[in-house]
Amino acid sequence: MPTSSQDTLTKGFTLLECMAVMSLMAVFLLFAGQFSSAIFASYHARNEVYASAQALMFDAQHVRAKARTHKSTVSMMPLCNNSWESGWIAFHNPEMLFTPEEISNILWQKTISTQVTTQRPRTNAPVSGTQFSDVSIKSYAHPQCKNPSIPNETHEKLRHITFNALGAAQTKNGSFVANRIVFWSKVYPNIEYQLIMGDGGRLRLCKPEAINPQCKL
């Protein structure tokens, strides 16, 4: 039996119904887009923090290998402001003097993302460790960072990672170092990675988790 035009109209959508559906879809897409953007931003921040911590670990491992190969002491220290957040330099340092002459003999230098910090966010609990500060060396007038957002920590003890000819991490007074440094995201303070150095100079990365919140395992 043929369908009348009146029956066809009753089975379709009215203009108001179509507009209502389109409005709901627009709202859904808006929230979905914002949610996706937030996830992407968080993922990007996590990658930046991980890449910064990994870069310091790889460079420290490279410095350790150089020290063992050349049978000489090699050091790394912050680029400026005595802050690892500024980046770092690597240099031969046979006498562990940390003088301008020694520091000027740079093997390489590296900077990290400006969205990564080594300063503990106020909302986070304190983390044990002194960022490889050497209590046996008094701080001195470090080069000033051009970036004003990098904290000036020249009042702290000198920060460095130094490996002797045997590949052991060492301080100025000859003691051995077992320490850690933590990298956080400036935008997402809950994102962090810890670079941990053991007694023998070996390094590892750790992301605090519920089962290992203090990265002791």
N, C-alpha and C. Protein backbone atom coordinates (compact mmCIF):
# COMPACT_ATOMS: atom_id res chain seq x y z
N MET A 1 0.85 -1.19 0.00
CA MET A 1 0.00 0.00 0.00
C MET A 1 0.89 1.24 0.00
N PRO A 2 0.67 2.15 -0.90
CA PRO A 2 1.52 3.34 -0.98
C PRO A 2 1.42 4.20 0.27
N THR A 3 2.57 4.82 0.62
CA THR A 3 2.62 5.67 1.82
C THR A 3 2.27 7.10 1.45
N SER A 4 1.40 7.70 2.21
CA SER A 4 0.98 9.08 1.92
C SER A 4 2.04 10.05 2.39
N SER A 5 1.99 11.26 1.87
CA SER A 5 2.95 12.29 2.27
C SER A 5 2.80 12.63 3.74
N GLN A 6 1.57 12.51 4.25
CA GLN A 6 1.33 12.81 5.66
C GLN A 6 2.03 11.79 6.55
N ASP A 7 1.99 10.48 6.13
CA ASP A 7 2.67 9.44 6.91
C ASP A 7 4.18 9.66 6.90
N THR A 8 4.72 10.10 5.76
CA THR A 8 6.16 10.34 5.66
C THR A 8 6.61 11.43 6.61
N LEU A 9 5.83 12.48 6.73
CA LEU A 9 6.17 13.58 7.61
C LEU A 9 6.14 13.17 9.07
N THR A 10 5.20 12.31 9.41
CA THR A 10 5.10 11.90 10.80
C THR A 10 6.25 11.01 11.23
N LYS A 11 6.93 10.35 10.26
CA LYS A 11 8.04 9.47 10.59
C LYS A 11 9.38 10.20 10.61
N GLY A 12 9.47 11.41 10.14
CA GLY A 12 10.72 12.16 10.11
C GLY A 12 10.95 12.98 11.36
N PHE A 13 12.05 13.79 11.36
CA PHE A 13 12.38 14.66 12.48
C PHE A 13 11.94 16.09 12.16
N THR A 14 11.49 16.76 13.18
CA THR A 14 11.15 18.16 13.00
C THR A 14 12.42 18.99 13.02
N LEU A 15 12.34 20.21 12.60
CA LEU A 15 13.49 21.11 12.60
C LEU A 15 14.02 21.33 14.01
N LEU A 16 13.12 21.47 14.97
CA LEU A 16 13.53 21.68 16.35
C LEU A 16 14.27 20.47 16.90
N GLU A 17 13.80 19.28 16.54
CA GLU A 17 14.47 18.06 16.99
C GLU A 17 15.88 17.97 16.41
N CYS A 18 16.02 18.30 15.14
CA CYS A 18 17.34 18.28 14.51
C CYS A 18 18.29 19.27 15.17
N MET A 19 17.77 20.47 15.46
CA MET A 19 18.60 21.48 16.11
C MET A 19 19.01 21.04 17.51
N ALA A 20 18.10 20.37 18.22
CA ALA A 20 18.42 19.89 19.56
C ALA A 20 19.52 18.84 19.52
N VAL A 21 19.42 17.91 18.57
CA VAL A 21 20.43 16.87 18.43
C VAL A 21 21.78 17.47 18.07
N MET A 22 21.77 18.43 17.14
CA MET A 22 23.02 19.07 16.75
C MET A 22 23.65 19.84 17.91
N SER A 23 22.82 20.46 18.73
CA SER A 23 23.34 21.19 19.89
C SER A 23 24.00 20.24 20.88
N LEU A 24 23.34 19.10 21.12
CA LEU A 24 23.91 18.11 22.03
C LEU A 24 25.24 17.57 21.49
N MET A 25 25.30 17.34 20.19
CA MET A 25 26.53 16.85 19.58
C MET A 25 27.65 17.89 19.70
N ALA A 26 27.29 19.16 19.53
CA ALA A 26 28.28 20.23 19.64
C ALA A 26 28.85 20.30 21.05
N VAL A 27 27.96 20.19 22.05
CA VAL A 27 28.40 20.22 23.45
C VAL A 27 29.30 19.03 23.75
N PHE A 28 28.91 17.86 23.25
CA PHE A 28 29.70 16.65 23.46
C PHE A 28 31.09 16.78 22.84
N LEU A 29 31.13 17.28 21.61
CA LEU A 29 32.42 17.43 20.93
C LEU A 29 33.30 18.46 21.63
N LEU A 30 32.66 19.50 22.19
CA LEU A 30 33.42 20.53 22.90
C LEU A 30 34.11 19.94 24.12
N PHE A 31 33.34 19.21 24.93
CA PHE A 31 33.91 18.60 26.13
C PHE A 31 34.92 17.51 25.77
N ALA A 32 34.63 16.76 24.72
CA ALA A 32 35.56 15.71 24.29
C ALA A 32 36.88 16.32 23.84
N GLY A 33 36.79 17.46 23.13
CA GLY A 33 38.01 18.14 22.68
C GLY A 33 38.83 18.66 23.84
N GLN A 34 38.16 19.25 24.84
CA GLN A 34 38.88 19.75 26.01
C GLN A 34 39.52 18.62 26.79
N PHE A 35 38.80 17.51 26.92
CA PHE A 35 39.33 16.35 27.64
C PHE A 35 40.55 15.79 26.92
N SER A 36 40.45 15.70 25.60
CA SER A 36 41.57 15.17 24.81
C SER A 36 42.78 16.10 24.90
N SER A 37 42.53 17.41 24.89
CA SER A 37 43.63 18.37 25.00
C SER A 37 44.34 18.25 26.34
N ALA A 38 43.55 18.05 27.41
CA ALA A 38 44.13 17.91 28.75
C ALA A 38 44.98 16.65 28.84
N ILE A 39 44.49 15.56 28.26
CA ILE A 39 45.25 14.31 28.27
C ILE A 39 46.55 14.46 27.48
N PHE A 40 46.47 15.11 26.33
CA PHE A 40 47.66 15.31 25.50
C PHE A 40 48.68 16.18 26.22
N ALA A 41 48.20 17.26 26.88
CA ALA A 41 49.11 18.16 27.59
C ALA A 41 49.81 17.43 28.73
N SER A 42 49.06 16.60 29.46
CA SER A 42 49.64 15.84 30.55
C SER A 42 50.67 14.83 30.03
N TYR A 43 50.34 14.18 28.94
CA TYR A 43 51.26 13.21 28.33
C TYR A 43 52.54 13.90 27.86
N HIS A 44 52.39 15.09 27.27
CA HIS A 44 53.55 15.85 26.79
C HIS A 44 54.43 16.27 27.97
N ALA A 45 53.79 16.72 29.06
CA ALA A 45 54.55 17.12 30.24
C ALA A 45 55.31 15.95 30.83
N ARG A 46 54.68 14.79 30.85
CA ARG A 46 55.34 13.59 31.38
C ARG A 46 56.58 13.25 30.54
N ASN A 47 56.44 13.37 29.24
CA ASN A 47 57.57 13.08 28.35
C ASN A 47 58.72 14.06 28.57
N GLU A 48 58.38 15.34 28.81
CA GLU A 48 59.42 16.34 29.03
C GLU A 48 60.20 16.06 30.31
N VAL A 49 59.48 15.71 31.37
CA VAL A 49 60.14 15.41 32.64
C VAL A 49 61.02 14.17 32.51
N TYR A 50 60.47 13.15 31.88
CA TYR A 50 61.24 11.91 31.69
C TYR A 50 62.48 12.16 30.84
N ALA A 51 62.32 12.93 29.76
CA ALA A 51 63.45 13.21 28.86
C ALA A 51 64.54 13.98 29.59
N SER A 52 64.17 14.90 30.47
CA SER A 52 65.16 15.69 31.21
C SER A 52 65.94 14.81 32.17
N ALA A 53 65.23 13.98 32.93
CA ALA A 53 65.89 13.09 33.88
C ALA A 53 66.77 12.08 33.15
N GLN A 54 66.26 11.58 32.03
CA GLN A 54 67.02 10.60 31.25
C GLN A 54 68.28 11.23 30.65
N ALA A 55 68.17 12.49 30.22
CA ALA A 55 69.33 13.18 29.63
C ALA A 55 70.45 13.32 30.66
N LEU A 56 70.09 13.69 31.90
CA LEU A 56 71.11 13.82 32.94
C LEU A 56 71.72 12.46 33.27
N MET A 57 70.89 11.42 33.29
CA MET A 57 71.41 10.09 33.57
C MET A 57 72.37 9.63 32.48
N PHE A 58 71.98 9.81 31.22
CA PHE A 58 72.84 9.39 30.11
C PHE A 58 74.16 10.15 30.12
N ASP A 59 74.09 11.46 30.37
CA ASP A 59 75.32 12.25 30.40
C ASP A 59 76.21 11.84 31.57
N ALA A 60 75.60 11.57 32.72
CA ALA A 60 76.39 11.12 33.87
C ALA A 60 77.05 9.77 33.59
N GLN A 61 76.34 8.89 32.92
CA GLN A 61 76.92 7.60 32.54
C GLN A 61 78.07 7.79 31.55
N HIS A 62 77.91 8.76 30.65
CA HIS A 62 78.96 9.06 29.69
C HIS A 62 80.19 9.62 30.40
N VAL A 63 79.96 10.50 31.36
CA VAL A 63 81.06 11.07 32.15
C VAL A 63 81.78 9.97 32.92
N ARG A 64 81.02 9.07 33.50
CA ARG A 64 81.62 7.96 34.25
C ARG A 64 82.49 7.09 33.34
N ALA A 65 81.99 6.82 32.15
CA ALA A 65 82.77 6.02 31.19
C ALA A 65 84.05 6.74 30.78
N LYS A 66 83.96 8.07 30.58
CA LYS A 66 85.16 8.83 30.22
C LYS A 66 86.19 8.80 31.34
N ALA A 67 85.72 8.92 32.57
CA ALA A 67 86.64 8.91 33.70
C ALA A 67 87.39 7.58 33.78
N ARG A 68 86.68 6.50 33.55
CA ARG A 68 87.32 5.19 33.62
C ARG A 68 88.25 4.96 32.42
N THR A 69 87.83 5.44 31.26
CA THR A 69 88.65 5.24 30.05
C THR A 69 89.94 6.04 30.11
N HIS A 70 89.83 7.31 30.54
CA HIS A 70 91.01 8.19 30.56
C HIS A 70 91.75 8.15 31.90
N LYS A 71 91.25 7.36 32.84
CA LYS A 71 91.89 7.24 34.15
C LYS A 71 92.09 8.62 34.79
N SER A 72 91.04 9.41 34.71
CA SER A 72 91.10 10.77 35.24
C SER A 72 89.72 11.19 35.74
N THR A 73 89.70 12.16 36.62
CA THR A 73 88.44 12.62 37.19
C THR A 73 87.70 13.52 36.20
N VAL A 74 86.41 13.27 36.04
CA VAL A 74 85.56 14.07 35.16
C VAL A 74 84.33 14.49 35.95
N SER A 75 83.92 15.74 35.75
CA SER A 75 82.81 16.30 36.53
C SER A 75 81.68 16.81 35.66
N MET A 76 80.51 16.91 36.28
CA MET A 76 79.36 17.62 35.72
C MET A 76 78.84 18.54 36.81
N MET A 77 78.39 19.72 36.40
CA MET A 77 77.81 20.65 37.36
C MET A 77 76.78 21.52 36.65
N PRO A 78 75.89 22.19 37.41
CA PRO A 78 74.88 23.04 36.78
C PRO A 78 75.50 24.12 35.90
N LEU A 79 74.79 24.46 34.85
CA LEU A 79 75.28 25.45 33.90
C LEU A 79 75.39 26.83 34.53
N CYS A 80 74.41 27.20 35.34
CA CYS A 80 74.42 28.51 36.00
C CYS A 80 73.50 28.47 37.22
N ASN A 81 73.65 29.46 38.09
CA ASN A 81 72.83 29.61 39.30
C ASN A 81 72.91 28.41 40.25
N ASN A 82 73.88 27.53 40.04
CA ASN A 82 74.01 26.33 40.89
C ASN A 82 72.72 25.51 40.88
N SER A 83 71.99 25.57 39.77
CA SER A 83 70.69 24.90 39.66
C SER A 83 70.70 23.93 38.48
N TRP A 84 70.39 22.66 38.74
CA TRP A 84 70.32 21.68 37.65
C TRP A 84 69.24 22.05 36.65
N GLU A 85 68.31 22.84 37.08
CA GLU A 85 67.23 23.28 36.20
C GLU A 85 67.76 24.08 35.01
N SER A 86 68.93 24.68 35.17
CA SER A 86 69.51 25.49 34.10
C SER A 86 70.17 24.64 33.02
N GLY A 87 70.36 23.35 33.30
CA GLY A 87 71.14 22.49 32.42
C GLY A 87 72.46 22.17 33.11
N TRP A 88 73.42 21.65 32.38
CA TRP A 88 74.69 21.27 33.00
C TRP A 88 75.83 21.27 31.98
N ILE A 89 77.04 21.26 32.52
CA ILE A 89 78.24 21.16 31.71
C ILE A 89 79.06 19.97 32.20
N ALA A 90 79.84 19.39 31.31
CA ALA A 90 80.75 18.29 31.65
C ALA A 90 82.17 18.74 31.31
N PHE A 91 83.14 18.41 32.17
CA PHE A 91 84.51 18.87 31.93
C PHE A 91 85.50 17.98 32.68
N HIS A 92 86.73 17.92 32.15
CA HIS A 92 87.81 17.22 32.85
C HIS A 92 88.16 18.02 34.10
N ASN A 93 88.33 17.30 35.20
CA ASN A 93 88.58 17.98 36.47
C ASN A 93 89.51 17.13 37.34
N PRO A 94 90.76 16.92 36.89
CA PRO A 94 91.67 15.99 37.58
C PRO A 94 91.97 16.35 39.03
N GLU A 95 91.97 17.64 39.36
CA GLU A 95 92.29 18.07 40.72
C GLU A 95 91.05 18.40 41.54
N MET A 96 89.88 18.28 40.95
CA MET A 96 88.62 18.64 41.61
C MET A 96 88.69 20.04 42.22
N LEU A 97 89.09 20.99 41.38
CA LEU A 97 89.23 22.37 41.84
C LEU A 97 87.98 23.20 41.60
N PHE A 98 87.26 22.92 40.55
CA PHE A 98 86.05 23.67 40.17
C PHE A 98 86.35 25.15 40.00
N THR A 99 87.54 25.44 39.49
CA THR A 99 87.94 26.82 39.23
C THR A 99 87.43 27.24 37.85
N PRO A 100 87.37 28.54 37.58
CA PRO A 100 86.96 28.98 36.24
C PRO A 100 87.81 28.38 35.13
N GLU A 101 89.11 28.16 35.43
CA GLU A 101 89.99 27.58 34.42
C GLU A 101 89.57 26.14 34.10
N GLU A 102 89.26 25.38 35.12
CA GLU A 102 88.85 24.00 34.91
C GLU A 102 87.49 23.95 34.22
N ILE A 103 86.59 24.78 34.68
CA ILE A 103 85.23 24.76 34.14
C ILE A 103 85.20 25.22 32.70
N SER A 104 86.16 26.06 32.31
CA SER A 104 86.18 26.55 30.93
C SER A 104 86.56 25.46 29.93
N ASN A 105 87.13 24.37 30.42
CA ASN A 105 87.52 23.25 29.56
C ASN A 105 86.33 22.31 29.39
N ILE A 106 85.30 22.80 28.73
CA ILE A 106 84.03 22.08 28.65
C ILE A 106 84.07 20.98 27.59
N LEU A 107 83.62 19.80 27.98
CA LEU A 107 83.47 18.70 27.02
C LEU A 107 82.17 18.87 26.25
N TRP A 108 81.10 19.18 26.96
CA TRP A 108 79.81 19.49 26.32
C TRP A 108 78.91 20.12 27.36
N GLN A 109 77.82 20.69 26.90
CA GLN A 109 76.82 21.24 27.80
C GLN A 109 75.43 20.93 27.25
N LYS A 110 74.45 20.98 28.14
CA LYS A 110 73.09 20.63 27.74
C LYS A 110 72.09 21.41 28.56
N THR A 111 70.98 21.78 27.95
CA THR A 111 69.88 22.42 28.66
C THR A 111 68.65 21.53 28.59
N ILE A 112 67.67 21.82 29.45
CA ILE A 112 66.45 21.03 29.46
C ILE A 112 65.25 21.94 29.22
N SER A 113 64.08 21.34 29.13
CA SER A 113 62.86 22.09 28.87
C SER A 113 62.60 23.12 29.97
N THR A 114 62.12 24.28 29.58
CA THR A 114 61.79 25.32 30.55
C THR A 114 60.55 24.98 31.35
N GLN A 115 59.84 23.92 30.97
CA GLN A 115 58.65 23.49 31.70
C GLN A 115 58.97 22.43 32.75
N VAL A 116 60.27 22.17 32.94
CA VAL A 116 60.71 21.18 33.93
C VAL A 116 61.49 21.89 35.03
N THR A 117 61.26 21.50 36.27
CA THR A 117 61.94 22.14 37.39
C THR A 117 62.55 21.09 38.32
N THR A 118 63.58 21.51 39.05
CA THR A 118 64.15 20.67 40.09
C THR A 118 63.81 21.22 41.47
N GLN A 119 62.92 22.20 41.50
CA GLN A 119 62.46 22.78 42.75
C GLN A 119 61.17 22.09 43.19
N ARG A 120 61.14 21.59 44.40
CA ARG A 120 59.96 20.87 44.88
C ARG A 120 58.75 21.79 44.94
N PRO A 121 57.66 21.41 44.28
CA PRO A 121 56.43 22.20 44.37
C PRO A 121 55.94 22.26 45.81
N ARG A 122 55.31 23.36 46.17
CA ARG A 122 54.86 23.54 47.55
C ARG A 122 53.84 22.49 47.97
N THR A 123 53.11 21.97 47.01
CA THR A 123 52.06 20.99 47.32
C THR A 123 52.61 19.58 47.51
N ASN A 124 53.88 19.38 47.21
CA ASN A 124 54.47 18.04 47.29
C ASN A 124 55.24 17.84 48.59
N ALA A 125 55.26 16.59 49.05
CA ALA A 125 56.00 16.26 50.26
C ALA A 125 57.50 16.31 49.99
N PRO A 126 58.30 16.63 50.99
CA PRO A 126 59.76 16.67 50.80
C PRO A 126 60.30 15.32 50.36
N VAL A 127 61.37 15.36 49.57
CA VAL A 127 62.03 14.15 49.08
C VAL A 127 63.45 14.12 49.64
N SER A 128 63.85 12.98 50.17
CA SER A 128 65.21 12.87 50.70
C SER A 128 66.22 12.99 49.57
N GLY A 129 67.34 13.64 49.88
CA GLY A 129 68.35 13.85 48.84
C GLY A 129 68.73 15.31 48.75
N THR A 130 69.92 15.58 48.30
CA THR A 130 70.41 16.96 48.27
C THR A 130 70.82 17.40 46.87
N GLN A 131 70.26 16.78 45.86
CA GLN A 131 70.54 17.18 44.47
C GLN A 131 72.03 17.13 44.15
N PHE A 132 72.73 16.15 44.72
CA PHE A 132 74.17 15.99 44.51
C PHE A 132 74.94 17.21 45.00
N SER A 133 74.51 17.76 46.14
CA SER A 133 75.26 18.87 46.74
C SER A 133 76.47 18.30 47.48
N ASP A 134 77.59 18.99 47.37
CA ASP A 134 78.83 18.55 48.00
C ASP A 134 79.06 19.39 49.25
N VAL A 135 78.85 18.80 50.41
CA VAL A 135 78.97 19.55 51.65
C VAL A 135 80.41 19.95 51.94
N SER A 136 81.36 19.38 51.21
CA SER A 136 82.77 19.70 51.45
C SER A 136 83.26 20.88 50.62
N ILE A 137 82.38 21.43 49.78
CA ILE A 137 82.77 22.57 48.94
C ILE A 137 81.81 23.73 49.20
N LYS A 138 82.37 24.86 49.59
CA LYS A 138 81.56 26.05 49.77
C LYS A 138 81.14 26.58 48.40
N SER A 139 79.95 27.13 48.37
CA SER A 139 79.46 27.68 47.11
C SER A 139 80.25 28.95 46.76
N TYR A 140 80.18 29.34 45.53
CA TYR A 140 80.88 30.53 45.07
C TYR A 140 80.00 31.25 44.06
N ALA A 141 80.49 32.34 43.52
CA ALA A 141 79.69 33.14 42.58
C ALA A 141 79.55 32.40 41.26
N HIS A 142 78.46 31.71 41.08
CA HIS A 142 78.21 30.99 39.84
C HIS A 142 77.83 31.97 38.73
N PRO A 143 78.00 31.56 37.50
CA PRO A 143 77.47 32.37 36.40
C PRO A 143 75.96 32.56 36.57
N GLN A 144 75.50 33.75 36.28
CA GLN A 144 74.08 34.03 36.42
C GLN A 144 73.32 33.59 35.17
N CYS A 145 72.18 32.98 35.39
CA CYS A 145 71.35 32.53 34.26
C CYS A 145 70.65 33.72 33.62
N LYS A 146 70.56 33.69 32.31
CA LYS A 146 69.83 34.74 31.60
C LYS A 146 68.33 34.59 31.78
N ASN A 147 67.89 33.36 31.99
CA ASN A 147 66.46 33.10 32.18
C ASN A 147 66.09 33.43 33.63
N PRO A 148 65.27 34.47 33.86
CA PRO A 148 64.95 34.87 35.24
C PRO A 148 64.09 33.86 35.99
N SER A 149 63.49 32.91 35.28
CA SER A 149 62.63 31.93 35.95
C SER A 149 63.44 30.83 36.64
N ILE A 150 64.72 30.72 36.33
CA ILE A 150 65.55 29.69 36.96
C ILE A 150 66.01 30.19 38.33
N PRO A 151 65.72 29.46 39.39
CA PRO A 151 66.06 29.91 40.74
C PRO A 151 67.56 30.05 40.93
N ASN A 152 67.94 31.06 41.70
CA ASN A 152 69.35 31.27 42.01
C ASN A 152 69.68 30.55 43.32
N GLU A 153 70.46 29.50 43.23
CA GLU A 153 70.75 28.67 44.40
C GLU A 153 72.23 28.71 44.76
N THR A 154 72.85 29.86 44.53
CA THR A 154 74.28 29.98 44.82
C THR A 154 74.55 29.95 46.32
N HIS A 155 73.50 30.11 47.14
CA HIS A 155 73.69 30.03 48.59
C HIS A 155 73.84 28.59 49.06
N GLU A 156 73.48 27.64 48.20
CA GLU A 156 73.60 26.22 48.54
C GLU A 156 75.04 25.74 48.33
N LYS A 157 75.35 24.57 48.90
CA LYS A 157 76.65 23.97 48.64
C LYS A 157 76.77 23.62 47.16
N LEU A 158 78.01 23.58 46.69
CA LEU A 158 78.24 23.33 45.27
C LEU A 158 77.64 22.00 44.84
N ARG A 159 76.91 22.02 43.76
CA ARG A 159 76.29 20.82 43.23
C ARG A 159 77.10 20.30 42.05
N HIS A 160 77.41 19.03 42.09
CA HIS A 160 78.17 18.43 40.99
C HIS A 160 78.05 16.92 41.05
N ILE A 161 78.35 16.28 39.94
CA ILE A 161 78.50 14.83 39.87
C ILE A 161 79.91 14.59 39.34
N THR A 162 80.73 13.96 40.14
CA THR A 162 82.13 13.74 39.76
C THR A 162 82.47 12.26 39.91
N PHE A 163 83.12 11.73 38.88
CA PHE A 163 83.55 10.33 38.91
C PHE A 163 85.07 10.28 38.85
N ASN A 164 85.65 9.44 39.71
CA ASN A 164 87.10 9.28 39.69
C ASN A 164 87.52 8.24 38.65
N ALA A 165 88.81 7.94 38.62
CA ALA A 165 89.34 7.04 37.59
C ALA A 165 88.78 5.63 37.68
N LEU A 166 88.23 5.27 38.84
CA LEU A 166 87.64 3.95 39.02
C LEU A 166 86.15 3.93 38.70
N GLY A 167 85.61 5.12 38.37
CA GLY A 167 84.19 5.20 38.05
C GLY A 167 83.29 5.36 39.25
N ALA A 168 83.87 5.70 40.39
CA ALA A 168 83.08 5.92 41.61
C ALA A 168 82.73 7.39 41.74
N ALA A 169 81.51 7.67 42.18
CA ALA A 169 81.09 9.06 42.41
C ALA A 169 81.76 9.56 43.68
N GLN A 170 82.35 10.75 43.61
CA GLN A 170 83.18 11.21 44.71
C GLN A 170 82.95 12.68 45.01
N THR A 171 83.12 13.06 46.28
CA THR A 171 83.06 14.45 46.68
C THR A 171 84.47 15.00 46.80
N LYS A 172 84.56 16.29 47.08
CA LYS A 172 85.86 16.95 47.16
C LYS A 172 86.74 16.34 48.26
N ASN A 173 86.14 15.99 49.40
CA ASN A 173 86.93 15.47 50.51
C ASN A 173 87.21 13.97 50.40
N GLY A 174 86.81 13.36 49.28
CA GLY A 174 87.15 11.97 49.04
C GLY A 174 86.09 10.96 49.42
N SER A 175 85.02 11.43 50.06
CA SER A 175 83.95 10.49 50.41
C SER A 175 83.14 10.15 49.17
N PHE A 176 82.31 9.14 49.28
CA PHE A 176 81.54 8.69 48.13
C PHE A 176 80.10 9.18 48.22
N VAL A 177 79.49 9.31 47.07
CA VAL A 177 78.17 9.93 46.98
C VAL A 177 77.10 8.88 46.72
N ALA A 178 76.00 8.98 47.45
CA ALA A 178 74.80 8.20 47.16
C ALA A 178 73.65 9.18 47.34
N ASN A 179 73.04 9.58 46.27
CA ASN A 179 72.12 10.69 46.34
C ASN A 179 71.06 10.59 45.27
N ARG A 180 70.23 11.63 45.16
CA ARG A 180 69.21 11.66 44.13
C ARG A 180 68.86 13.10 43.78
N ILE A 181 68.29 13.26 42.60
CA ILE A 181 67.75 14.54 42.17
C ILE A 181 66.40 14.26 41.54
N VAL A 182 65.45 15.17 41.79
CA VAL A 182 64.08 14.96 41.34
C VAL A 182 63.71 16.02 40.31
N PHE A 183 63.09 15.59 39.24
CA PHE A 183 62.58 16.49 38.21
C PHE A 183 61.06 16.49 38.28
N TRP A 184 60.48 17.69 38.29
CA TRP A 184 59.02 17.84 38.29
C TRP A 184 58.57 18.64 37.07
N SER A 185 57.30 18.49 36.75
CA SER A 185 56.68 19.35 35.75
C SER A 185 56.20 20.62 36.43
N LYS A 186 56.44 21.76 35.83
CA LYS A 186 55.97 23.02 36.40
C LYS A 186 54.45 23.15 36.31
N VAL A 187 53.87 22.52 35.29
CA VAL A 187 52.43 22.63 35.07
C VAL A 187 51.67 21.55 35.84
N TYR A 188 52.23 20.35 35.90
CA TYR A 188 51.59 19.22 36.58
C TYR A 188 52.53 18.73 37.69
N PRO A 189 52.44 19.31 38.90
CA PRO A 189 53.39 18.97 39.97
C PRO A 189 53.38 17.50 40.37
N ASN A 190 52.32 16.79 40.03
CA ASN A 190 52.26 15.37 40.40
C ASN A 190 53.12 14.50 39.48
N ILE A 191 53.61 15.07 38.39
CA ILE A 191 54.47 14.33 37.47
C ILE A 191 55.92 14.52 37.89
N GLU A 192 56.58 13.44 38.25
CA GLU A 192 57.98 13.54 38.67
C GLU A 192 58.74 12.27 38.32
N TYR A 193 60.04 12.46 38.12
CA TYR A 193 60.96 11.34 37.92
C TYR A 193 62.19 11.60 38.78
N GLN A 194 62.70 10.56 39.40
CA GLN A 194 63.87 10.69 40.26
C GLN A 194 65.06 9.99 39.63
N LEU A 195 66.19 10.69 39.64
CA LEU A 195 67.45 10.11 39.21
C LEU A 195 68.22 9.74 40.47
N ILE A 196 68.47 8.46 40.65
CA ILE A 196 69.07 7.96 41.89
C ILE A 196 70.45 7.38 41.61
N MET A 197 71.41 7.79 42.44
CA MET A 197 72.77 7.28 42.30
C MET A 197 73.11 6.39 43.49
N GLY A 198 73.59 5.20 43.22
CA GLY A 198 73.98 4.28 44.28
C GLY A 198 75.41 4.52 44.74
N ASP A 199 75.82 3.75 45.75
CA ASP A 199 77.16 3.93 46.33
C ASP A 199 78.27 3.74 45.30
N GLY A 200 78.08 2.83 44.36
CA GLY A 200 79.13 2.55 43.39
C GLY A 200 79.13 3.47 42.19
N GLY A 201 78.24 4.47 42.18
CA GLY A 201 78.18 5.40 41.05
C GLY A 201 77.18 5.00 39.99
N ARG A 202 76.45 3.93 40.21
CA ARG A 202 75.45 3.51 39.22
C ARG A 202 74.20 4.36 39.37
N LEU A 203 73.58 4.64 38.23
CA LEU A 203 72.40 5.50 38.22
C LEU A 203 71.19 4.75 37.70
N ARG A 204 70.02 5.16 38.19
CA ARG A 204 68.77 4.59 37.69
C ARG A 204 67.68 5.64 37.79
N LEU A 205 66.67 5.49 36.95
CA LEU A 205 65.50 6.37 36.99
C LEU A 205 64.37 5.68 37.71
N CYS A 206 63.58 6.45 38.43
CA CYS A 206 62.43 5.90 39.13
C CYS A 206 61.28 6.89 39.05
N LYS A 207 60.10 6.37 38.75
CA LYS A 207 58.88 7.16 38.81
C LYS A 207 58.09 6.70 40.03
N PRO A 208 57.91 7.56 41.03
CA PRO A 208 57.20 7.14 42.24
C PRO A 208 55.81 6.59 41.91
N GLU A 209 55.52 5.43 42.44
CA GLU A 209 54.22 4.78 42.25
C GLU A 209 53.66 4.42 43.61
N ALA A 210 52.41 3.96 43.61
CA ALA A 210 51.75 3.61 44.87
C ALA A 210 52.51 2.52 45.62
N ILE A 211 53.08 1.56 44.87
CA ILE A 211 53.77 0.46 45.52
C ILE A 211 55.21 0.83 45.90
N ASN A 212 55.70 1.95 45.39
CA ASN A 212 57.07 2.37 45.67
C ASN A 212 57.14 3.89 45.69
N PRO A 213 56.41 4.53 46.61
CA PRO A 213 56.29 5.99 46.56
C PRO A 213 57.58 6.75 46.80
N GLN A 214 58.53 6.15 47.50
CA GLN A 214 59.79 6.83 47.81
C GLN A 214 60.96 6.31 46.98
N CYS A 215 60.65 5.49 45.97
CA CYS A 215 61.68 4.97 45.06
C CYS A 215 62.82 4.30 45.82
N LYS A 216 62.47 3.48 46.79
CA LYS A 216 63.49 2.78 47.56
C LYS A 216 63.80 1.41 46.97
N LEU A 217 62.93 0.91 46.10
CA LEU A 217 63.13 -0.42 45.54
C LEU A 217 64.04 -0.36 44.33
